[in-house]
Amino acid sequence: NSNVAKRYLTDISLDSANILDSQSYSLERINSAAWLQYEYQQSDYSVDLGMRIEHFDEQVYHAKNFASTSNRYSRPLFSANFRYALSANWQARLNVSENLTPVATKYFNPTKQPLSGITGYEVSNTSLSAYESQQFTLQLIGSVDSHTQLVSSLYVKKLSGLINYQQVADDKNLYQRVNQATAWVKGIDIDLTHHLQPYITLNAAYSYADSERDYRFADMFKYTGQLEGLSKHVANFSVDYQQPTWGSRLQLNYRSGYISEINYQQIWVDQFETGFLPFRRINWSSYFALNDVLELNVGVNNLSNEYYREYAGQHHAIYNTTQAGRQYYLRFILML
């Protein structure tokens, strides 16, 4: 701060009262768990029942004054899996499960931050707890013919405790993050593998996920959109050639666009949504067994040198393009 003031602000007198000290901090998170599982199996069906208890212990340390705040919580989580053999080649599975996802560390910043475009400050909430999810999945697994295998899934997931903002009760100019939002995700996963020849295998996989959640900033802003970081469409196709001593793979990947962040500080302009446009990638790799214990791997990631294109606003205006670059690798694997 002092160096910046001397060089660029020579005509302005600043003291400590004029500077908002964005201090450093550290977060320590300890996760422990205990679980119990029961399995019952017959020739044409099986049942798995499980329970685990997840415990989180989080400490946020302020680097400047060495003060700390703590947050501890535990959750019991249940799961059940039922498998039934429809025939010699086909089976159905029903799975119900619960899970926890820890809150991203960026949400624990204890420093008071000014909000641009809004009269007020963002203050920390170190009592945030992990996101909770309950998922229901129905699977069909089997062989279409002697050369083709299919794995298909249909699922519904509920996410609870996602982050939104609310005003602090005793000061209307202060806003903090809270575990407030709920989201639903519905999707399908299809994976098809076909053995074209003894040495050639084709694999095609496709995932579709539709989600919706409310992004809310107190009573001033509400926006309904996809979950951050979730694409509606993800597709992969690969061709594998495998001999006992060498093999090669060509893989094509596609991911549709997705929201990366909802910026609550831009609520008065059409730039509060940022995200990435669809992305395609071609990867190639090959392996060579030099002898019984040494293997050589070579490959190229992003062979087509695709760009990441980042947009702002609901009209998807491009404002940042990142060249991912081709990544070449050469590695030796020693198998002892």
C-alpha atoms as a PDB file:
ATOM      1  CA  ASN A   1       0.000   0.000   0.000  1.00  0.00           C
ATOM      2  CA  SER A   2       2.750   2.454   0.894  1.00  0.00           C
ATOM      3  CA  ASN A   3       4.653   1.826  -2.354  1.00  0.00           C
ATOM      4  CA  VAL A   4       1.523   2.342  -4.446  1.00  0.00           C
ATOM      5  CA  ALA A   5       0.723   5.582  -2.600  1.00  0.00           C
ATOM      6  CA  LYS A   6       4.236   6.963  -3.149  1.00  0.00           C
ATOM      7  CA  ARG A   7       4.256   6.213  -6.874  1.00  0.00           C
ATOM      8  CA  TYR A   8       0.698   6.885  -8.018  1.00  0.00           C
ATOM      9  CA  LEU A   9      -1.035   8.868  -5.270  1.00  0.00           C
ATOM     10  CA  THR A  10       1.554  11.531  -4.444  1.00  0.00           C
ATOM     11  CA  ASP A  11      -1.072  14.285  -4.203  1.00  0.00           C
ATOM     12  CA  ILE A  12      -3.341  12.320  -1.894  1.00  0.00           C
ATOM     13  CA  SER A  13      -2.683  11.808   1.786  1.00  0.00           C
ATOM     14  CA  LEU A  14      -3.675   8.366   3.054  1.00  0.00           C
ATOM     15  CA  ASP A  15      -3.580   6.916   6.544  1.00  0.00           C
ATOM     16  CA  SER A  16      -4.735   3.621   8.050  1.00  0.00           C
ATOM     17  CA  ALA A  17      -8.331   4.850   8.257  1.00  0.00           C
ATOM     18  CA  ASN A  18      -8.497   5.116   4.466  1.00  0.00           C
ATOM     19  CA  ILE A  19      -7.231   1.605   3.774  1.00  0.00           C
ATOM     20  CA  LEU A  20      -9.388  -1.511   3.930  1.00  0.00           C
ATOM     21  CA  ASP A  21      -6.958  -4.174   5.060  1.00  0.00           C
ATOM     22  CA  SER A  22      -7.750  -7.367   3.158  1.00  0.00           C
ATOM     23  CA  GLN A  23      -5.854  -9.567   5.568  1.00  0.00           C
ATOM     24  CA  SER A  24      -4.624 -13.066   5.016  1.00  0.00           C
ATOM     25  CA  TYR A  25      -6.140 -16.086   6.708  1.00  0.00           C
ATOM     26  CA  SER A  26      -5.806 -19.844   6.747  1.00  0.00           C
ATOM     27  CA  LEU A  27      -8.383 -22.593   6.897  1.00  0.00           C
ATOM     28  CA  GLU A  28      -7.783 -26.006   8.421  1.00  0.00           C
ATOM     29  CA  ARG A  29     -10.374 -28.683   7.733  1.00  0.00           C
ATOM     30  CA  ILE A  30     -10.277 -32.148   9.304  1.00  0.00           C
ATOM     31  CA  ASN A  31     -12.714 -34.731   7.983  1.00  0.00           C
ATOM     32  CA  SER A  32     -13.223 -38.041   9.800  1.00  0.00           C
ATOM     33  CA  ALA A  33     -15.726 -40.806   9.231  1.00  0.00           C
ATOM     34  CA  ALA A  34     -16.939 -44.151  10.557  1.00  0.00           C
ATOM     35  CA  TRP A  35     -19.121 -46.550   8.600  1.00  0.00           C
ATOM     36  CA  LEU A  36     -20.948 -49.865   8.819  1.00  0.00           C
ATOM     37  CA  GLN A  37     -22.089 -52.006   5.895  1.00  0.00           C
ATOM     38  CA  TYR A  38     -24.342 -55.064   5.623  1.00  0.00           C
ATOM     39  CA  GLU A  39     -24.555 -57.292   2.541  1.00  0.00           C
ATOM     40  CA  TYR A  40     -26.994 -60.106   1.729  1.00  0.00           C
ATOM     41  CA  GLN A  41     -26.548 -62.098  -1.475  1.00  0.00           C
ATOM     42  CA  GLN A  42     -28.531 -64.751  -3.305  1.00  0.00           C
ATOM     43  CA  SER A  43     -28.033 -66.227  -6.766  1.00  0.00           C
ATOM     44  CA  ASP A  44     -30.315 -63.768  -8.590  1.00  0.00           C
ATOM     45  CA  TYR A  45     -30.340 -60.740  -6.268  1.00  0.00           C
ATOM     46  CA  SER A  46     -28.317 -58.977  -3.607  1.00  0.00           C
ATOM     47  CA  VAL A  47     -28.895 -56.190  -1.070  1.00  0.00           C
ATOM     48  CA  ASP A  48     -26.337 -53.774   0.379  1.00  0.00           C
ATOM     49  CA  LEU A  49     -27.195 -51.467   3.273  1.00  0.00           C
ATOM     50  CA  GLY A  50     -24.755 -48.937   4.674  1.00  0.00           C
ATOM     51  CA  MET A  51     -24.479 -46.112   7.146  1.00  0.00           C
ATOM     52  CA  ARG A  52     -21.600 -43.758   7.763  1.00  0.00           C
ATOM     53  CA  ILE A  53     -21.107 -40.755  10.011  1.00  0.00           C
ATOM     54  CA  GLU A  54     -19.093 -37.858   8.589  1.00  0.00           C
ATOM     55  CA  HIS A  55     -17.549 -35.364  11.017  1.00  0.00           C
ATOM     56  CA  PHE A  56     -16.043 -32.007   9.991  1.00  0.00           C
ATOM     57  CA  ASP A  57     -13.857 -29.827  12.192  1.00  0.00           C
ATOM     58  CA  GLU A  58     -12.981 -26.459  10.599  1.00  0.00           C
ATOM     59  CA  GLN A  59     -10.742 -23.731  12.013  1.00  0.00           C
ATOM     60  CA  VAL A  60     -10.313 -20.324  10.366  1.00  0.00           C
ATOM     61  CA  TYR A  61      -7.213 -18.432  11.553  1.00  0.00           C
ATOM     62  CA  HIS A  62      -6.804 -14.693  11.030  1.00  0.00           C
ATOM     63  CA  ALA A  63      -3.175 -14.115  10.125  1.00  0.00           C
ATOM     64  CA  LYS A  64      -2.980 -10.560  11.473  1.00  0.00           C
ATOM     65  CA  ASN A  65      -4.285 -10.975  15.023  1.00  0.00           C
ATOM     66  CA  PHE A  66      -4.022 -14.791  15.288  1.00  0.00           C
ATOM     67  CA  ALA A  67      -7.652 -15.055  16.387  1.00  0.00           C
ATOM     68  CA  SER A  68      -9.576 -18.086  15.207  1.00  0.00           C
ATOM     69  CA  THR A  69     -13.135 -19.257  14.797  1.00  0.00           C
ATOM     70  CA  SER A  70     -14.250 -22.873  14.694  1.00  0.00           C
ATOM     71  CA  ASN A  71     -17.096 -24.839  13.188  1.00  0.00           C
ATOM     72  CA  ARG A  72     -17.875 -28.490  13.965  1.00  0.00           C
ATOM     73  CA  TYR A  73     -20.705 -30.627  12.679  1.00  0.00           C
ATOM     74  CA  SER A  74     -21.566 -34.281  12.031  1.00  0.00           C
ATOM     75  CA  ARG A  75     -24.040 -35.955   9.688  1.00  0.00           C
ATOM     76  CA  PRO A  76     -25.329 -39.543   9.481  1.00  0.00           C
ATOM     77  CA  LEU A  77     -25.513 -40.728   5.852  1.00  0.00           C
ATOM     78  CA  PHE A  78     -27.397 -43.776   4.576  1.00  0.00           C
ATOM     79  CA  SER A  79     -27.165 -45.860   1.407  1.00  0.00           C
ATOM     80  CA  ALA A  80     -28.994 -48.842  -0.038  1.00  0.00           C
ATOM     81  CA  ASN A  81     -28.244 -50.830  -3.182  1.00  0.00           C
ATOM     82  CA  PHE A  82     -30.467 -53.542  -4.627  1.00  0.00           C
ATOM     83  CA  ARG A  83     -29.352 -55.708  -7.571  1.00  0.00           C
ATOM     84  CA  TYR A  84     -31.608 -58.109  -9.458  1.00  0.00           C
ATOM     85  CA  ALA A  85     -30.565 -60.468 -12.286  1.00  0.00           C
ATOM     86  CA  LEU A  86     -33.163 -60.164 -15.048  1.00  0.00           C
ATOM     87  CA  SER A  87     -31.467 -62.871 -17.133  1.00  0.00           C
ATOM     88  CA  ALA A  88     -28.062 -64.437 -17.651  1.00  0.00           C
ATOM     89  CA  ASN A  89     -26.855 -61.276 -19.458  1.00  0.00           C
ATOM     90  CA  TRP A  90     -28.879 -58.459 -17.889  1.00  0.00           C
ATOM     91  CA  GLN A  91     -29.242 -57.030 -14.415  1.00  0.00           C
ATOM     92  CA  ALA A  92     -31.031 -54.046 -12.882  1.00  0.00           C
ATOM     93  CA  ARG A  93     -29.805 -51.999  -9.952  1.00  0.00           C
ATOM     94  CA  LEU A  94     -31.594 -49.580  -7.671  1.00  0.00           C
ATOM     95  CA  ASN A  95     -29.458 -47.282  -5.522  1.00  0.00           C
ATOM     96  CA  VAL A  96     -30.425 -44.699  -2.914  1.00  0.00           C
ATOM     97  CA  SER A  97     -27.618 -42.733  -1.299  1.00  0.00           C
ATOM     98  CA  GLU A  98     -26.774 -39.618   0.714  1.00  0.00           C
ATOM     99  CA  ASN A  99     -23.569 -37.622   0.541  1.00  0.00           C
ATOM    100  CA  LEU A 100     -21.809 -34.469   1.731  1.00  0.00           C
ATOM    101  CA  THR A 101     -19.694 -32.019  -0.289  1.00  0.00           C
ATOM    102  CA  PRO A 102     -17.555 -29.574   1.744  1.00  0.00           C
ATOM    103  CA  VAL A 103     -18.084 -25.873   1.043  1.00  0.00           C
ATOM    104  CA  ALA A 104     -15.406 -24.319  -1.180  1.00  0.00           C
ATOM    105  CA  THR A 105     -12.673 -22.654   0.862  1.00  0.00           C
ATOM    106  CA  LYS A 106     -13.195 -19.295  -0.908  1.00  0.00           C
ATOM    107  CA  TYR A 107     -16.461 -18.885   1.007  1.00  0.00           C
ATOM    108  CA  PHE A 108     -14.680 -18.706   4.385  1.00  0.00           C
ATOM    109  CA  ASN A 109     -12.861 -15.399   3.789  1.00  0.00           C
ATOM    110  CA  PRO A 110     -13.209 -13.608   7.180  1.00  0.00           C
ATOM    111  CA  THR A 111     -12.377 -10.151   5.792  1.00  0.00           C
ATOM    112  CA  LYS A 112     -15.122  -7.562   5.343  1.00  0.00           C
ATOM    113  CA  GLN A 113     -15.312  -6.781   1.631  1.00  0.00           C
ATOM    114  CA  PRO A 114     -17.023  -3.812  -0.090  1.00  0.00           C
ATOM    115  CA  LEU A 115     -19.689  -4.734  -2.648  1.00  0.00           C
ATOM    116  CA  SER A 116     -19.428  -2.872  -5.938  1.00  0.00           C
ATOM    117  CA  GLY A 117     -22.713  -1.470  -7.197  1.00  0.00           C
ATOM    118  CA  ILE A 118     -24.320  -1.971  -3.784  1.00  0.00           C
ATOM    119  CA  THR A 119     -24.106   0.136  -0.655  1.00  0.00           C
ATOM    120  CA  GLY A 120     -22.839  -2.418   1.792  1.00  0.00           C
ATOM    121  CA  TYR A 121     -20.235  -4.976   2.748  1.00  0.00           C
ATOM    122  CA  GLU A 122     -19.893  -8.709   2.598  1.00  0.00           C
ATOM    123  CA  VAL A 123     -18.974 -10.296   5.942  1.00  0.00           C
ATOM    124  CA  SER A 124     -17.837 -13.811   6.674  1.00  0.00           C
ATOM    125  CA  ASN A 125     -19.904 -16.696   7.965  1.00  0.00           C
ATOM    126  CA  THR A 126     -17.623 -19.397   9.327  1.00  0.00           C
ATOM    127  CA  SER A 127     -20.612 -21.548  10.349  1.00  0.00           C
ATOM    128  CA  LEU A 128     -21.290 -22.723   6.804  1.00  0.00           C
ATOM    129  CA  SER A 129     -21.814 -26.468   6.573  1.00  0.00           C
ATOM    130  CA  ALA A 130     -21.284 -28.936   3.731  1.00  0.00           C
ATOM    131  CA  TYR A 131     -23.800 -29.351   0.928  1.00  0.00           C
ATOM    132  CA  GLU A 132     -26.073 -32.348   1.414  1.00  0.00           C
ATOM    133  CA  SER A 133     -27.293 -34.545  -1.430  1.00  0.00           C
ATOM    134  CA  GLN A 134     -29.786 -37.380  -1.748  1.00  0.00           C
ATOM    135  CA  GLN A 135     -29.660 -39.398  -4.958  1.00  0.00           C
ATOM    136  CA  PHE A 136     -31.966 -42.024  -6.467  1.00  0.00           C
ATOM    137  CA  THR A 137     -30.439 -44.063  -9.336  1.00  0.00           C
ATOM    138  CA  LEU A 138     -31.859 -46.811 -11.541  1.00  0.00           C
ATOM    139  CA  GLN A 139     -29.352 -48.778 -13.640  1.00  0.00           C
ATOM    140  CA  LEU A 140     -29.618 -51.325 -16.437  1.00  0.00           C
ATOM    141  CA  ILE A 141     -26.433 -53.289 -17.175  1.00  0.00           C
ATOM    142  CA  GLY A 142     -25.904 -56.071 -19.660  1.00  0.00           C
ATOM    143  CA  SER A 143     -24.743 -57.428 -23.004  1.00  0.00           C
ATOM    144  CA  VAL A 144     -26.588 -56.441 -26.184  1.00  0.00           C
ATOM    145  CA  ASP A 145     -24.770 -59.244 -28.002  1.00  0.00           C
ATOM    146  CA  SER A 146     -21.530 -61.178 -27.624  1.00  0.00           C
ATOM    147  CA  HIS A 147     -19.494 -58.103 -28.646  1.00  0.00           C
ATOM    148  CA  THR A 148     -21.443 -55.198 -27.111  1.00  0.00           C
ATOM    149  CA  GLN A 149     -21.950 -54.149 -23.481  1.00  0.00           C
ATOM    150  CA  LEU A 150     -24.322 -51.449 -22.214  1.00  0.00           C
ATOM    151  CA  VAL A 151     -24.378 -49.535 -18.929  1.00  0.00           C
ATOM    152  CA  SER A 152     -27.258 -47.072 -18.594  1.00  0.00           C
ATOM    153  CA  SER A 153     -28.415 -44.976 -15.634  1.00  0.00           C
ATOM    154  CA  LEU A 154     -31.341 -42.722 -14.822  1.00  0.00           C
ATOM    155  CA  TYR A 155     -31.018 -40.567 -11.724  1.00  0.00           C
ATOM    156  CA  VAL A 156     -32.580 -37.779  -9.682  1.00  0.00           C
ATOM    157  CA  LYS A 157     -30.557 -35.817  -7.136  1.00  0.00           C
ATOM    158  CA  LYS A 158     -31.529 -33.222  -4.551  1.00  0.00           C
ATOM    159  CA  LEU A 159     -28.878 -30.784  -3.305  1.00  0.00           C
ATOM    160  CA  SER A 160     -29.480 -28.830  -0.094  1.00  0.00           C
ATOM    161  CA  GLY A 161     -27.557 -26.087   1.657  1.00  0.00           C
ATOM    162  CA  LEU A 162     -26.189 -24.313  -1.431  1.00  0.00           C
ATOM    163  CA  ILE A 163     -24.855 -20.788  -0.942  1.00  0.00           C
ATOM    164  CA  ASN A 164     -26.995 -17.643  -1.164  1.00  0.00           C
ATOM    165  CA  TYR A 165     -26.756 -14.233   0.539  1.00  0.00           C
ATOM    166  CA  GLN A 166     -28.891 -12.600   3.197  1.00  0.00           C
ATOM    167  CA  GLN A 167     -28.750  -9.389   5.210  1.00  0.00           C
ATOM    168  CA  VAL A 168     -27.350  -9.485   8.712  1.00  0.00           C
ATOM    169  CA  ALA A 169     -30.210  -8.803  11.121  1.00  0.00           C
ATOM    170  CA  ASP A 170     -28.590  -6.065  13.202  1.00  0.00           C
ATOM    171  CA  ASP A 171     -27.067  -4.129  10.272  1.00  0.00           C
ATOM    172  CA  LYS A 172     -28.856  -3.735   6.941  1.00  0.00           C
ATOM    173  CA  ASN A 173     -25.604  -2.778   5.176  1.00  0.00           C
ATOM    174  CA  LEU A 174     -23.969  -6.124   5.931  1.00  0.00           C
ATOM    175  CA  TYR A 175     -24.541  -9.265   3.848  1.00  0.00           C
ATOM    176  CA  GLN A 176     -23.273 -12.793   4.448  1.00  0.00           C
ATOM    177  CA  ARG A 177     -23.377 -16.191   2.798  1.00  0.00           C
ATOM    178  CA  VAL A 178     -25.805 -18.760   4.181  1.00  0.00           C
ATOM    179  CA  ASN A 179     -26.721 -22.396   3.432  1.00  0.00           C
ATOM    180  CA  GLN A 180     -30.060 -21.498   1.919  1.00  0.00           C
ATOM    181  CA  ALA A 181     -30.636 -22.759  -1.639  1.00  0.00           C
ATOM    182  CA  THR A 182     -31.934 -26.122  -2.864  1.00  0.00           C
ATOM    183  CA  ALA A 183     -31.395 -27.599  -6.328  1.00  0.00           C
ATOM    184  CA  TRP A 184     -32.667 -30.599  -8.256  1.00  0.00           C
ATOM    185  CA  VAL A 185     -30.630 -32.465 -10.865  1.00  0.00           C
ATOM    186  CA  LYS A 186     -32.128 -35.000 -13.284  1.00  0.00           C
ATOM    187  CA  GLY A 187     -30.016 -36.895 -15.742  1.00  0.00           C
ATOM    188  CA  ILE A 188     -29.099 -39.974 -17.735  1.00  0.00           C
ATOM    189  CA  ASP A 189     -25.759 -41.710 -18.358  1.00  0.00           C
ATOM    190  CA  ILE A 190     -25.214 -44.139 -21.248  1.00  0.00           C
ATOM    191  CA  ASP A 191     -21.997 -46.073 -21.865  1.00  0.00           C
ATOM    192  CA  LEU A 192     -21.729 -48.445 -24.845  1.00  0.00           C
ATOM    193  CA  THR A 193     -18.683 -50.625 -25.533  1.00  0.00           C
ATOM    194  CA  HIS A 194     -18.278 -52.647 -28.742  1.00  0.00           C
ATOM    195  CA  HIS A 195     -15.427 -55.074 -29.517  1.00  0.00           C
ATOM    196  CA  LEU A 196     -15.040 -54.642 -33.262  1.00  0.00           C
ATOM    197  CA  GLN A 197     -12.145 -57.114 -33.587  1.00  0.00           C
ATOM    198  CA  PRO A 198     -10.004 -58.957 -31.057  1.00  0.00           C
ATOM    199  CA  TYR A 199      -7.700 -55.930 -30.894  1.00  0.00           C
ATOM    200  CA  ILE A 200     -10.090 -53.016 -31.620  1.00  0.00           C
ATOM    201  CA  THR A 201     -12.594 -51.621 -29.101  1.00  0.00           C
ATOM    202  CA  LEU A 202     -15.041 -48.761 -29.632  1.00  0.00           C
ATOM    203  CA  ASN A 203     -16.532 -46.878 -26.692  1.00  0.00           C
ATOM    204  CA  ALA A 204     -19.221 -44.186 -26.740  1.00  0.00           C
ATOM    205  CA  ALA A 205     -20.476 -42.417 -23.618  1.00  0.00           C
ATOM    206  CA  TYR A 206     -23.061 -39.688 -23.194  1.00  0.00           C
ATOM    207  CA  SER A 207     -24.363 -37.831 -20.146  1.00  0.00           C
ATOM    208  CA  TYR A 208     -27.283 -35.439 -19.899  1.00  0.00           C
ATOM    209  CA  ALA A 209     -27.978 -33.415 -16.762  1.00  0.00           C
ATOM    210  CA  ASP A 210     -30.711 -30.836 -16.256  1.00  0.00           C
ATOM    211  CA  SER A 211     -30.583 -28.721 -13.118  1.00  0.00           C
ATOM    212  CA  GLU A 212     -32.222 -25.664 -11.654  1.00  0.00           C
ATOM    213  CA  ARG A 213     -31.542 -23.521  -8.620  1.00  0.00           C
ATOM    214  CA  ASP A 214     -32.335 -20.030  -7.368  1.00  0.00           C
ATOM    215  CA  TYR A 215     -29.466 -17.591  -6.942  1.00  0.00           C
ATOM    216  CA  ARG A 216     -30.625 -15.004  -4.416  1.00  0.00           C
ATOM    217  CA  PHE A 217     -29.009 -11.865  -3.000  1.00  0.00           C
ATOM    218  CA  ALA A 218     -31.161 -10.836  -0.027  1.00  0.00           C
ATOM    219  CA  ASP A 219     -34.382  -9.259  -1.364  1.00  0.00           C
ATOM    220  CA  MET A 220     -32.702  -7.375  -4.219  1.00  0.00           C
ATOM    221  CA  PHE A 221     -31.853 -10.097  -6.707  1.00  0.00           C
ATOM    222  CA  LYS A 222     -33.200 -13.483  -7.730  1.00  0.00           C
ATOM    223  CA  TYR A 223     -32.058 -15.475 -10.751  1.00  0.00           C
ATOM    224  CA  THR A 224     -32.989 -19.026 -11.702  1.00  0.00           C
ATOM    225  CA  GLY A 225     -30.410 -20.960 -13.694  1.00  0.00           C
ATOM    226  CA  GLN A 226     -28.296 -24.098 -14.039  1.00  0.00           C
ATOM    227  CA  LEU A 227     -25.988 -25.209 -11.256  1.00  0.00           C
ATOM    228  CA  GLU A 228     -22.553 -23.634 -11.387  1.00  0.00           C
ATOM    229  CA  GLY A 229     -20.047 -25.897 -13.109  1.00  0.00           C
ATOM    230  CA  LEU A 230     -22.627 -28.306 -14.566  1.00  0.00           C
ATOM    231  CA  SER A 231     -22.928 -28.917 -18.318  1.00  0.00           C
ATOM    232  CA  LYS A 232     -26.124 -30.276 -19.830  1.00  0.00           C
ATOM    233  CA  HIS A 233     -24.306 -32.461 -22.371  1.00  0.00           C
ATOM    234  CA  VAL A 234     -21.030 -34.385 -22.074  1.00  0.00           C
ATOM    235  CA  ALA A 235     -20.029 -36.873 -24.783  1.00  0.00           C
ATOM    236  CA  ASN A 236     -16.948 -39.053 -25.314  1.00  0.00           C
ATOM    237  CA  PHE A 237     -15.934 -41.397 -28.113  1.00  0.00           C
ATOM    238  CA  SER A 238     -12.766 -43.493 -28.225  1.00  0.00           C
ATOM    239  CA  VAL A 239     -11.106 -46.067 -30.451  1.00  0.00           C
ATOM    240  CA  ASP A 240      -8.642 -48.464 -28.799  1.00  0.00           C
ATOM    241  CA  TYR A 241      -6.189 -50.785 -30.485  1.00  0.00           C
ATOM    242  CA  GLN A 242      -4.531 -53.157 -28.011  1.00  0.00           C
ATOM    243  CA  GLN A 243      -1.879 -55.778 -28.682  1.00  0.00           C
ATOM    244  CA  PRO A 244      -0.036 -57.628 -25.903  1.00  0.00           C
ATOM    245  CA  THR A 245       3.050 -55.441 -26.359  1.00  0.00           C
ATOM    246  CA  TRP A 246       1.649 -52.156 -27.688  1.00  0.00           C
ATOM    247  CA  GLY A 247      -1.548 -50.217 -28.160  1.00  0.00           C
ATOM    248  CA  SER A 248      -3.002 -46.837 -29.061  1.00  0.00           C
ATOM    249  CA  ARG A 249      -6.094 -44.749 -28.269  1.00  0.00           C
ATOM    250  CA  LEU A 250      -7.801 -41.856 -30.036  1.00  0.00           C
ATOM    251  CA  GLN A 251     -10.374 -40.023 -27.912  1.00  0.00           C
ATOM    252  CA  LEU A 252     -12.853 -37.263 -28.792  1.00  0.00           C
ATOM    253  CA  ASN A 253     -14.506 -35.271 -25.993  1.00  0.00           C
ATOM    254  CA  TYR A 254     -17.290 -32.708 -26.011  1.00  0.00           C
ATOM    255  CA  ARG A 255     -18.684 -30.594 -23.183  1.00  0.00           C
ATOM    256  CA  SER A 256     -21.530 -28.107 -23.601  1.00  0.00           C
ATOM    257  CA  GLY A 257     -21.440 -24.644 -22.064  1.00  0.00           C
ATOM    258  CA  TYR A 258     -21.881 -24.055 -18.348  1.00  0.00           C
ATOM    259  CA  ILE A 259     -22.150 -21.288 -15.762  1.00  0.00           C
ATOM    260  CA  SER A 260     -18.940 -20.767 -13.793  1.00  0.00           C
ATOM    261  CA  GLU A 261     -20.106 -18.044 -11.400  1.00  0.00           C
ATOM    262  CA  ILE A 262     -23.014 -15.778 -10.547  1.00  0.00           C
ATOM    263  CA  ASN A 263     -21.533 -12.397  -9.607  1.00  0.00           C
ATOM    264  CA  TYR A 264     -23.924 -10.792  -7.139  1.00  0.00           C
ATOM    265  CA  GLN A 265     -21.952  -7.557  -7.192  1.00  0.00           C
ATOM    266  CA  GLN A 266     -23.085  -6.876 -10.786  1.00  0.00           C
ATOM    267  CA  ILE A 267     -26.809  -7.189 -10.154  1.00  0.00           C
ATOM    268  CA  TRP A 268     -27.752  -3.918 -11.857  1.00  0.00           C
ATOM    269  CA  VAL A 269     -26.143  -4.810 -15.188  1.00  0.00           C
ATOM    270  CA  ASP A 270     -26.364  -7.746 -17.553  1.00  0.00           C
ATOM    271  CA  GLN A 271     -23.025  -9.193 -16.506  1.00  0.00           C
ATOM    272  CA  PHE A 272     -23.885 -11.096 -13.355  1.00  0.00           C
ATOM    273  CA  GLU A 273     -23.604 -14.472 -15.130  1.00  0.00           C
ATOM    274  CA  THR A 274     -20.211 -15.703 -16.308  1.00  0.00           C
ATOM    275  CA  GLY A 275     -19.445 -19.059 -17.851  1.00  0.00           C
ATOM    276  CA  PHE A 276     -17.821 -21.009 -20.664  1.00  0.00           C
ATOM    277  CA  LEU A 277     -19.055 -21.857 -24.151  1.00  0.00           C
ATOM    278  CA  PRO A 278     -18.951 -25.464 -25.512  1.00  0.00           C
ATOM    279  CA  PHE A 279     -15.547 -27.100 -25.665  1.00  0.00           C
ATOM    280  CA  ARG A 280     -14.222 -29.931 -27.850  1.00  0.00           C
ATOM    281  CA  ARG A 281     -10.990 -31.846 -27.380  1.00  0.00           C
ATOM    282  CA  ILE A 282      -9.059 -34.582 -29.208  1.00  0.00           C
ATOM    283  CA  ASN A 283      -6.538 -36.687 -27.260  1.00  0.00           C
ATOM    284  CA  TRP A 284      -4.175 -39.372 -28.513  1.00  0.00           C
ATOM    285  CA  SER A 285      -2.002 -41.783 -26.536  1.00  0.00           C
ATOM    286  CA  SER A 286       0.014 -44.931 -27.104  1.00  0.00           C
ATOM    287  CA  TYR A 287       1.950 -47.442 -25.013  1.00  0.00           C
ATOM    288  CA  PHE A 288       4.837 -49.813 -25.791  1.00  0.00           C
ATOM    289  CA  ALA A 289       5.996 -52.666 -23.566  1.00  0.00           C
ATOM    290  CA  LEU A 290       9.788 -52.486 -23.906  1.00  0.00           C
ATOM    291  CA  ASN A 291      10.261 -55.612 -21.769  1.00  0.00           C
ATOM    292  CA  ASP A 292       8.524 -57.443 -18.897  1.00  0.00           C
ATOM    293  CA  VAL A 293       8.931 -54.558 -16.416  1.00  0.00           C
ATOM    294  CA  LEU A 294       9.355 -51.356 -18.462  1.00  0.00           C
ATOM    295  CA  GLU A 295       6.647 -49.583 -20.467  1.00  0.00           C
ATOM    296  CA  LEU A 296       6.830 -46.438 -22.582  1.00  0.00           C
ATOM    297  CA  ASN A 297       3.868 -44.032 -22.835  1.00  0.00           C
ATOM    298  CA  VAL A 298       3.541 -41.193 -25.350  1.00  0.00           C
ATOM    299  CA  GLY A 299       0.598 -38.920 -26.039  1.00  0.00           C
ATOM    300  CA  VAL A 300      -0.875 -35.554 -26.938  1.00  0.00           C
ATOM    301  CA  ASN A 301      -3.731 -33.847 -25.091  1.00  0.00           C
ATOM    302  CA  ASN A 302      -5.851 -31.260 -26.915  1.00  0.00           C
ATOM    303  CA  LEU A 303      -4.483 -32.228 -30.323  1.00  0.00           C
ATOM    304  CA  SER A 304      -6.759 -29.708 -32.081  1.00  0.00           C
ATOM    305  CA  ASN A 305      -5.523 -26.855 -29.844  1.00  0.00           C
ATOM    306  CA  GLU A 306      -9.029 -25.777 -28.764  1.00  0.00           C
ATOM    307  CA  TYR A 307      -9.636 -22.511 -26.899  1.00  0.00           C
ATOM    308  CA  TYR A 308     -11.579 -21.919 -23.715  1.00  0.00           C
ATOM    309  CA  ARG A 309     -14.048 -19.110 -24.443  1.00  0.00           C
ATOM    310  CA  GLU A 310     -15.451 -17.330 -21.404  1.00  0.00           C
ATOM    311  CA  TYR A 311     -18.584 -15.213 -21.633  1.00  0.00           C
ATOM    312  CA  ALA A 312     -20.339 -12.600 -19.491  1.00  0.00           C
ATOM    313  CA  GLY A 313     -24.034 -11.797 -19.325  1.00  0.00           C
ATOM    314  CA  GLN A 314     -27.125 -13.700 -20.318  1.00  0.00           C
ATOM    315  CA  HIS A 315     -26.398 -12.923 -23.988  1.00  0.00           C
ATOM    316  CA  HIS A 316     -23.087 -14.822 -23.764  1.00  0.00           C
ATOM    317  CA  ALA A 317     -20.840 -11.956 -24.848  1.00  0.00           C
ATOM    318  CA  ILE A 318     -17.254 -13.219 -25.185  1.00  0.00           C
ATOM    319  CA  TYR A 319     -14.813 -11.322 -22.969  1.00  0.00           C
ATOM    320  CA  ASN A 320     -11.958 -13.748 -22.348  1.00  0.00           C
ATOM    321  CA  THR A 321     -10.333 -16.420 -24.509  1.00  0.00           C
ATOM    322  CA  THR A 322      -7.713 -18.787 -23.116  1.00  0.00           C
ATOM    323  CA  GLN A 323      -5.473 -20.895 -25.318  1.00  0.00           C
ATOM    324  CA  ALA A 324      -5.267 -24.252 -23.583  1.00  0.00           C
ATOM    325  CA  GLY A 325      -2.405 -25.410 -25.808  1.00  0.00           C
ATOM    326  CA  ARG A 326      -1.344 -28.887 -26.815  1.00  0.00           C
ATOM    327  CA  GLN A 327       0.195 -30.968 -24.051  1.00  0.00           C
ATOM    328  CA  TYR A 328       2.796 -33.549 -25.082  1.00  0.00           C
ATOM    329  CA  TYR A 329       4.009 -36.184 -22.672  1.00  0.00           C
ATOM    330  CA  LEU A 330       6.552 -38.979 -22.607  1.00  0.00           C
ATOM    331  CA  ARG A 331       6.797 -41.234 -19.570  1.00  0.00           C
ATOM    332  CA  PHE A 332       8.310 -44.553 -18.541  1.00  0.00           C
ATOM    333  CA  ILE A 333       6.457 -46.926 -16.219  1.00  0.00           C
ATOM    334  CA  LEU A 334       8.464 -49.419 -14.181  1.00  0.00           C
ATOM    335  CA  MET A 335       6.382 -52.419 -13.012  1.00  0.00           C
ATOM    336  CA  LEU A 336       8.097 -54.252 -10.184  1.00  0.00           C
END
